[in-house]
C-alpha atoms as a PDB file:
ATOM      1  CA  MET A   1      35.191  18.922 -34.612  1.00  0.00           C
ATOM      2  CA  ILE A   2      33.028  17.844 -36.628  1.00  0.00           C
ATOM      3  CA  LYS A   3      33.152  14.620 -34.103  1.00  0.00           C
ATOM      4  CA  LYS A   4      32.584  16.826 -31.227  1.00  0.00           C
ATOM      5  CA  PHE A   5      29.727  18.192 -32.356  1.00  0.00           C
ATOM      6  CA  LEU A   6      27.188  15.892 -33.314  1.00  0.00           C
ATOM      7  CA  LEU A   7      28.508  14.215 -29.456  1.00  0.00           C
ATOM      8  CA  ILE A   8      27.384  17.176 -28.553  1.00  0.00           C
ATOM      9  CA  VAL A   9      23.908  17.030 -29.962  1.00  0.00           C
ATOM     10  CA  ALA A  10      23.392  14.167 -29.199  1.00  0.00           C
ATOM     11  CA  ALA A  11      24.081  14.411 -25.441  1.00  0.00           C
ATOM     12  CA  LEU A  12      22.065  17.338 -25.721  1.00  0.00           C
ATOM     13  CA  MET A  13      18.542  15.126 -27.432  1.00  0.00           C
ATOM     14  CA  PHE A  14      19.197  12.292 -24.639  1.00  0.00           C
ATOM     15  CA  THR A  15      19.239  14.741 -21.610  1.00  0.00           C
ATOM     16  CA  THR A  16      15.717  17.276 -22.989  1.00  0.00           C
ATOM     17  CA  GLN A  17      14.855  13.399 -23.454  1.00  0.00           C
ATOM     18  CA  LEU A  18      15.204  12.847 -19.869  1.00  0.00           C
ATOM     19  CA  MET A  19      14.157  15.565 -18.731  1.00  0.00           C
ATOM     20  CA  ALA A  20      11.034  15.452 -20.278  1.00  0.00           C
ATOM     21  CA  ALA A  21       9.927  12.061 -19.281  1.00  0.00           C
ATOM     22  CA  GLU A  22      10.589  12.782 -15.845  1.00  0.00           C
ATOM     23  CA  GLU A  23       8.877  15.980 -16.448  1.00  0.00           C
ATOM     24  CA  MET A  24       5.928  13.176 -17.357  1.00  0.00           C
ATOM     25  CA  HIS A  25       6.772  10.715 -14.074  1.00  0.00           C
ATOM     26  CA  GLU A  26       6.482  13.574 -12.079  1.00  0.00           C
ATOM     27  CA  ASP A  27       2.717  15.143 -13.731  1.00  0.00           C
ATOM     28  CA  THR A  28       1.698  11.339 -13.795  1.00  0.00           C
ATOM     29  CA  HIS A  29       2.892  10.668  -9.764  1.00  0.00           C
ATOM     30  CA  HIS A  30       0.624  12.250  -7.228  1.00  0.00           C
ATOM     31  CA  GLU A  31       1.040  11.624  -3.412  1.00  0.00           C
ATOM     32  CA  GLU A  32      -2.299   9.753  -2.098  1.00  0.00           C
ATOM     33  CA  SER A  33      -4.321  12.625   0.450  1.00  0.00           C
ATOM     34  CA  LYS A  34      -4.628  11.787   4.192  1.00  0.00           C
ATOM     35  CA  TYR A  35      -7.358  12.004   4.309  1.00  0.00           C
ATOM     36  CA  TYR A  36     -11.005  10.899   3.245  1.00  0.00           C
ATOM     37  CA  VAL A  37     -14.352   9.413   2.770  1.00  0.00           C
ATOM     38  CA  VAL A  38     -16.387   7.745   1.751  1.00  0.00           C
ATOM     39  CA  VAL A  39     -19.917   7.254   0.856  1.00  0.00           C
ATOM     40  CA  LYS A  40     -21.385   3.780   0.303  1.00  0.00           C
ATOM     41  CA  GLY A  41     -24.914   2.062  -0.444  1.00  0.00           C
ATOM     42  CA  LEU A  42     -24.506  -1.626   1.659  1.00  0.00           C
ATOM     43  CA  TYR A  43     -26.608  -4.804   1.929  1.00  0.00           C
ATOM     44  CA  ILE A  44     -27.341  -6.880   4.748  1.00  0.00           C
ATOM     45  CA  MET A  45     -28.031 -10.384   4.974  1.00  0.00           C
ATOM     46  CA  GLY A  46     -30.312 -10.901   7.604  1.00  0.00           C
ATOM     47  CA  ASP A  47     -29.371 -13.655  10.335  1.00  0.00           C
ATOM     48  CA  ASN A  48     -31.514 -15.542  13.196  1.00  0.00           C
ATOM     49  CA  THR A  49     -31.304 -14.158  16.933  1.00  0.00           C
ATOM     50  CA  GLN A  50     -33.225 -15.428  19.555  1.00  0.00           C
ATOM     51  CA  HIS A  51     -35.034 -12.645  22.286  1.00  0.00           C
ATOM     52  CA  GLY A  52     -36.395 -14.245  25.121  1.00  0.00           C
ATOM     53  CA  GLU A  53     -39.235 -16.962  23.554  1.00  0.00           C
ATOM     54  CA  ALA A  54     -39.447 -15.506  20.039  1.00  0.00           C
ATOM     55  CA  THR A  55     -37.328 -16.214  17.447  1.00  0.00           C
ATOM     56  CA  LEU A  56     -36.301 -13.430  15.786  1.00  0.00           C
ATOM     57  CA  GLU A  57     -35.440 -14.041  12.039  1.00  0.00           C
ATOM     58  CA  GLY A  58     -34.074 -10.988   9.651  1.00  0.00           C
ATOM     59  CA  ASP A  59     -34.830 -10.914   6.465  1.00  0.00           C
ATOM     60  CA  ASP A  60     -31.499  -9.239   3.577  1.00  0.00           C
ATOM     61  CA  GLY A  61     -32.848  -5.154   3.816  1.00  0.00           C
ATOM     62  CA  TYR A  62     -30.369  -1.747   2.387  1.00  0.00           C
ATOM     63  CA  GLY A  63     -29.341   0.508   3.420  1.00  0.00           C
ATOM     64  CA  VAL A  64     -26.449   3.098   3.655  1.00  0.00           C
ATOM     65  CA  GLY A  65     -23.449   4.508   4.959  1.00  0.00           C
ATOM     66  CA  ILE A  66     -20.516   7.101   5.247  1.00  0.00           C
ATOM     67  CA  ASP A  67     -17.015   6.528   5.990  1.00  0.00           C
ATOM     68  CA  LEU A  68     -15.000   9.362   6.748  1.00  0.00           C
ATOM     69  CA  GLY A  69     -10.552   8.277   7.579  1.00  0.00           C
ATOM     70  CA  TYR A  70      -7.247   9.280   8.203  1.00  0.00           C
ATOM     71  CA  ARG A  71      -4.843   7.364   6.614  1.00  0.00           C
ATOM     72  CA  LEU A  72      -0.800   6.702   8.576  1.00  0.00           C
ATOM     73  CA  GLU A  73       2.109   5.229   8.102  1.00  0.00           C
ATOM     74  CA  TYR A  74       2.617   2.333   6.278  1.00  0.00           C
ATOM     75  CA  GLY A  75      -0.314   1.149   4.570  1.00  0.00           C
ATOM     76  CA  PHE A  76      -2.775   2.148   7.940  1.00  0.00           C
ATOM     77  CA  SER A  77      -5.771   3.975   8.093  1.00  0.00           C
ATOM     78  CA  LEU A  78      -7.541   5.194  11.028  1.00  0.00           C
ATOM     79  CA  GLU A  79     -11.460   5.364  10.197  1.00  0.00           C
ATOM     80  CA  TYR A  80     -15.077   6.503  11.431  1.00  0.00           C
ATOM     81  CA  ASP A  81     -18.139   4.436  10.182  1.00  0.00           C
ATOM     82  CA  PHE A  82     -21.265   5.247  10.047  1.00  0.00           C
ATOM     83  CA  SER A  83     -24.943   3.163   8.742  1.00  0.00           C
ATOM     84  CA  TYR A  84     -28.202   2.802   8.369  1.00  0.00           C
ATOM     85  CA  SER A  85     -30.165  -0.209   7.180  1.00  0.00           C
ATOM     86  CA  THR A  86     -34.139  -1.068   7.556  1.00  0.00           C
ATOM     87  CA  ASN A  87     -35.051  -5.179   7.176  1.00  0.00           C
ATOM     88  CA  SER A  88     -38.403  -6.914   8.013  1.00  0.00           C
ATOM     89  CA  VAL A  89     -37.891  -9.329  10.761  1.00  0.00           C
ATOM     90  CA  THR A  90     -40.491 -12.385  11.116  1.00  0.00           C
ATOM     91  CA  GLU A  91     -41.036 -13.268  14.983  1.00  0.00           C
ATOM     92  CA  LYS A  92     -41.934 -16.690  15.436  1.00  0.00           C
ATOM     93  CA  VAL A  93     -42.953 -17.643  19.049  1.00  0.00           C
ATOM     94  CA  ALA A  94     -43.876 -21.479  19.037  1.00  0.00           C
ATOM     95  CA  ASP A  95     -47.779 -22.051  18.445  1.00  0.00           C
ATOM     96  CA  GLU A  96     -48.183 -19.372  16.964  1.00  0.00           C
ATOM     97  CA  GLU A  97     -48.440 -17.429  14.032  1.00  0.00           C
ATOM     98  CA  PRO A  98     -45.063 -15.774  12.756  1.00  0.00           C
ATOM     99  CA  ARG A  99     -45.314 -11.680  12.323  1.00  0.00           C
ATOM    100  CA  SER A 100     -43.505  -9.636  10.750  1.00  0.00           C
ATOM    101  CA  ALA A 101     -42.531  -6.361  11.210  1.00  0.00           C
ATOM    102  CA  ASP A 102     -39.658  -3.447  10.220  1.00  0.00           C
ATOM    103  CA  ALA A 103     -36.220  -3.105  11.351  1.00  0.00           C
ATOM    104  CA  THR A 104     -34.044  -0.243  11.644  1.00  0.00           C
ATOM    105  CA  TYR A 105     -30.285   0.264  12.894  1.00  0.00           C
ATOM    106  CA  MET A 106     -27.953   2.828  13.337  1.00  0.00           C
ATOM    107  CA  THR A 107     -24.212   1.585  12.919  1.00  0.00           C
ATOM    108  CA  HIS A 108     -20.860   3.014  14.099  1.00  0.00           C
ATOM    109  CA  ALA A 109     -17.520   2.195  14.472  1.00  0.00           C
ATOM    110  CA  ILE A 110     -14.247   3.207  14.958  1.00  0.00           C
ATOM    111  CA  ASP A 111     -12.148   0.756  12.733  1.00  0.00           C
ATOM    112  CA  LEU A 112      -8.133  -0.175  11.872  1.00  0.00           C
ATOM    113  CA  VAL A 113      -7.053  -0.416   7.887  1.00  0.00           C
ATOM    114  CA  TYR A 114      -4.521  -2.103   6.727  1.00  0.00           C
ATOM    115  CA  GLY A 115      -4.223  -1.827   2.712  1.00  0.00           C
ATOM    116  CA  TYR A 116      -2.062  -3.439   0.681  1.00  0.00           C
ATOM    117  CA  SER A 117      -1.220  -2.001  -3.341  1.00  0.00           C
ATOM    118  CA  VAL A 118      -1.472  -4.859  -5.422  1.00  0.00           C
ATOM    119  CA  THR A 119      -1.204  -2.363  -8.666  1.00  0.00           C
ATOM    120  CA  LYS A 120      -0.875   0.550  -9.097  1.00  0.00           C
ATOM    121  CA  GLU A 121      -5.134   0.863  -9.397  1.00  0.00           C
ATOM    122  CA  LEU A 122      -6.028  -1.808  -7.240  1.00  0.00           C
ATOM    123  CA  GLU A 123      -5.512  -2.652  -3.561  1.00  0.00           C
ATOM    124  CA  LEU A 124      -6.530  -5.156  -0.611  1.00  0.00           C
ATOM    125  CA  PHE A 125      -7.327  -3.972   2.467  1.00  0.00           C
ATOM    126  CA  ALA A 126      -8.876  -5.292   5.476  1.00  0.00           C
ATOM    127  CA  LYS A 127      -9.863  -3.705   8.726  1.00  0.00           C
ATOM    128  CA  VAL A 128     -10.923  -4.820  12.845  1.00  0.00           C
ATOM    129  CA  GLY A 129     -12.873  -2.377  15.203  1.00  0.00           C
ATOM    130  CA  TYR A 130     -15.056  -1.328  17.528  1.00  0.00           C
ATOM    131  CA  GLU A 131     -18.825  -1.366  16.761  1.00  0.00           C
ATOM    132  CA  TYR A 132     -21.601   0.488  18.676  1.00  0.00           C
ATOM    133  CA  GLU A 133     -25.771  -0.228  16.941  1.00  0.00           C
ATOM    134  CA  ILE A 134     -29.097   0.635  17.707  1.00  0.00           C
ATOM    135  CA  GLU A 135     -31.226  -2.022  16.751  1.00  0.00           C
ATOM    136  CA  LYS A 136     -35.322  -0.946  16.190  1.00  0.00           C
ATOM    137  CA  ILE A 137     -38.589  -2.964  15.691  1.00  0.00           C
ATOM    138  CA  ASP A 138     -41.436  -0.705  17.398  1.00  0.00           C
ATOM    139  CA  ASP A 139     -43.726  -4.024  16.420  1.00  0.00           C
ATOM    140  CA  TYR A 140     -41.814  -5.912  18.783  1.00  0.00           C
ATOM    141  CA  GLY A 141     -41.827  -3.362  22.089  1.00  0.00           C
ATOM    142  CA  ILE A 142     -37.382  -3.810  21.282  1.00  0.00           C
ATOM    143  CA  ASP A 143     -34.774  -0.747  21.076  1.00  0.00           C
ATOM    144  CA  ASN A 144     -31.553  -2.336  22.022  1.00  0.00           C
ATOM    145  CA  ASP A 145     -27.862  -0.715  21.871  1.00  0.00           C
ATOM    146  CA  SER A 146     -25.696  -3.164  21.289  1.00  0.00           C
ATOM    147  CA  ASP A 147     -21.648  -3.383  20.847  1.00  0.00           C
ATOM    148  CA  GLY A 148     -18.969  -5.777  19.655  1.00  0.00           C
ATOM    149  CA  ALA A 149     -15.962  -5.961  17.595  1.00  0.00           C
ATOM    150  CA  VAL A 150     -17.006  -6.226  13.658  1.00  0.00           C
ATOM    151  CA  VAL A 151     -14.091  -7.059  11.201  1.00  0.00           C
ATOM    152  CA  GLY A 152     -13.716  -6.664   7.366  1.00  0.00           C
ATOM    153  CA  ALA A 153     -11.986  -6.795   3.743  1.00  0.00           C
ATOM    154  CA  GLY A 154     -11.922  -5.611   0.289  1.00  0.00           C
ATOM    155  CA  VAL A 155     -11.062  -4.271  -2.662  1.00  0.00           C
ATOM    156  CA  GLU A 156     -10.434  -0.450  -3.757  1.00  0.00           C
ATOM    157  CA  TYR A 157      -9.906   0.188  -7.549  1.00  0.00           C
ATOM    158  CA  GLU A 158      -8.521   3.871  -8.286  1.00  0.00           C
ATOM    159  CA  LEU A 159      -9.903   5.616 -10.639  1.00  0.00           C
ATOM    160  CA  ASN A 160      -7.696   8.902 -10.454  1.00  0.00           C
ATOM    161  CA  SER A 161      -6.281  10.422  -8.153  1.00  0.00           C
ATOM    162  CA  LEU A 162      -9.092  12.080  -6.212  1.00  0.00           C
ATOM    163  CA  TYR A 163     -11.203   8.532  -6.796  1.00  0.00           C
ATOM    164  CA  LYS A 164     -12.026   4.722  -5.916  1.00  0.00           C
ATOM    165  CA  ILE A 165     -14.707   2.570  -6.099  1.00  0.00           C
ATOM    166  CA  VAL A 166     -14.852   0.463  -2.914  1.00  0.00           C
ATOM    167  CA  GLY A 167     -16.423  -2.926  -2.476  1.00  0.00           C
ATOM    168  CA  GLU A 168     -16.611  -4.125   1.002  1.00  0.00           C
ATOM    169  CA  TYR A 169     -17.476  -7.763   3.082  1.00  0.00           C
ATOM    170  CA  GLU A 170     -17.759  -6.629   7.264  1.00  0.00           C
ATOM    171  CA  HIS A 171     -19.116  -9.086   9.684  1.00  0.00           C
ATOM    172  CA  SER A 172     -19.993  -8.493  12.663  1.00  0.00           C
ATOM    173  CA  THR A 173     -20.456  -9.880  16.276  1.00  0.00           C
ATOM    174  CA  ILE A 174     -23.653  -8.018  17.765  1.00  0.00           C
ATOM    175  CA  ASP A 175     -25.433 -11.011  17.818  1.00  0.00           C
ATOM    176  CA  GLY A 176     -29.009  -9.476  16.162  1.00  0.00           C
ATOM    177  CA  PRO A 177     -31.396  -9.737  12.866  1.00  0.00           C
ATOM    178  CA  ARG A 178     -28.778  -7.446  11.253  1.00  0.00           C
ATOM    179  CA  GLY A 179     -26.244  -9.253   9.783  1.00  0.00           C
ATOM    180  CA  ASP A 180     -23.181  -9.191   8.305  1.00  0.00           C
ATOM    181  CA  SER A 181     -23.347  -6.861   5.284  1.00  0.00           C
ATOM    182  CA  ILE A 182     -22.146  -5.964   2.020  1.00  0.00           C
ATOM    183  CA  TYR A 183     -20.795  -2.196   0.312  1.00  0.00           C
ATOM    184  CA  LEU A 184     -20.444  -1.434  -2.645  1.00  0.00           C
ATOM    185  CA  GLY A 185     -19.476   2.744  -2.918  1.00  0.00           C
ATOM    186  CA  VAL A 186     -17.157   5.637  -3.910  1.00  0.00           C
ATOM    187  CA  MET A 187     -13.932   6.769  -2.161  1.00  0.00           C
ATOM    188  CA  TYR A 188     -13.242  10.917  -2.078  1.00  0.00           C
ATOM    189  CA  ASN A 189      -9.725  11.765  -1.313  1.00  0.00           C
ATOM    190  CA  PHE A 190      -8.667  15.581  -0.029  1.00  0.00           C
END
């Protein structure tokens, strides 16, 4: 009789521990939302390009951006990206003094993103997409609309179920003084 009683008590204790562990696991496990937004600061690296007889040399610059994303299946997401950035551009023409002006860029992109989870908190991602850019350099009379492809890679680090830190590098095929970009931002899952 005592053996049966001890066996029942042991079974109850074991069952209670399993249930508590399962409840704890359910509380810490979350399913990621399908929708997200990333607010980011950006650093543009500048590039050199030809504009008629002049060479335009873009300096480093800064800006802000926002990504709106929707998670698909199997690690894929679809994103709309917008960024606004500015830098200084120097125009060089043979036998003339170089002159500098401020440039602004408004960039829109639609991207397909693939993410790969390395750990629970860390995810690597790559993206490819279509980009449309409006470039204005008023002092040179430049008001260009250009389009091209964009590719990028980056990392996301989960802070909690709602927020992640995002770092990213992007390269564009658009020929202009803006150059490639580095982004650092915060993702909010909703």
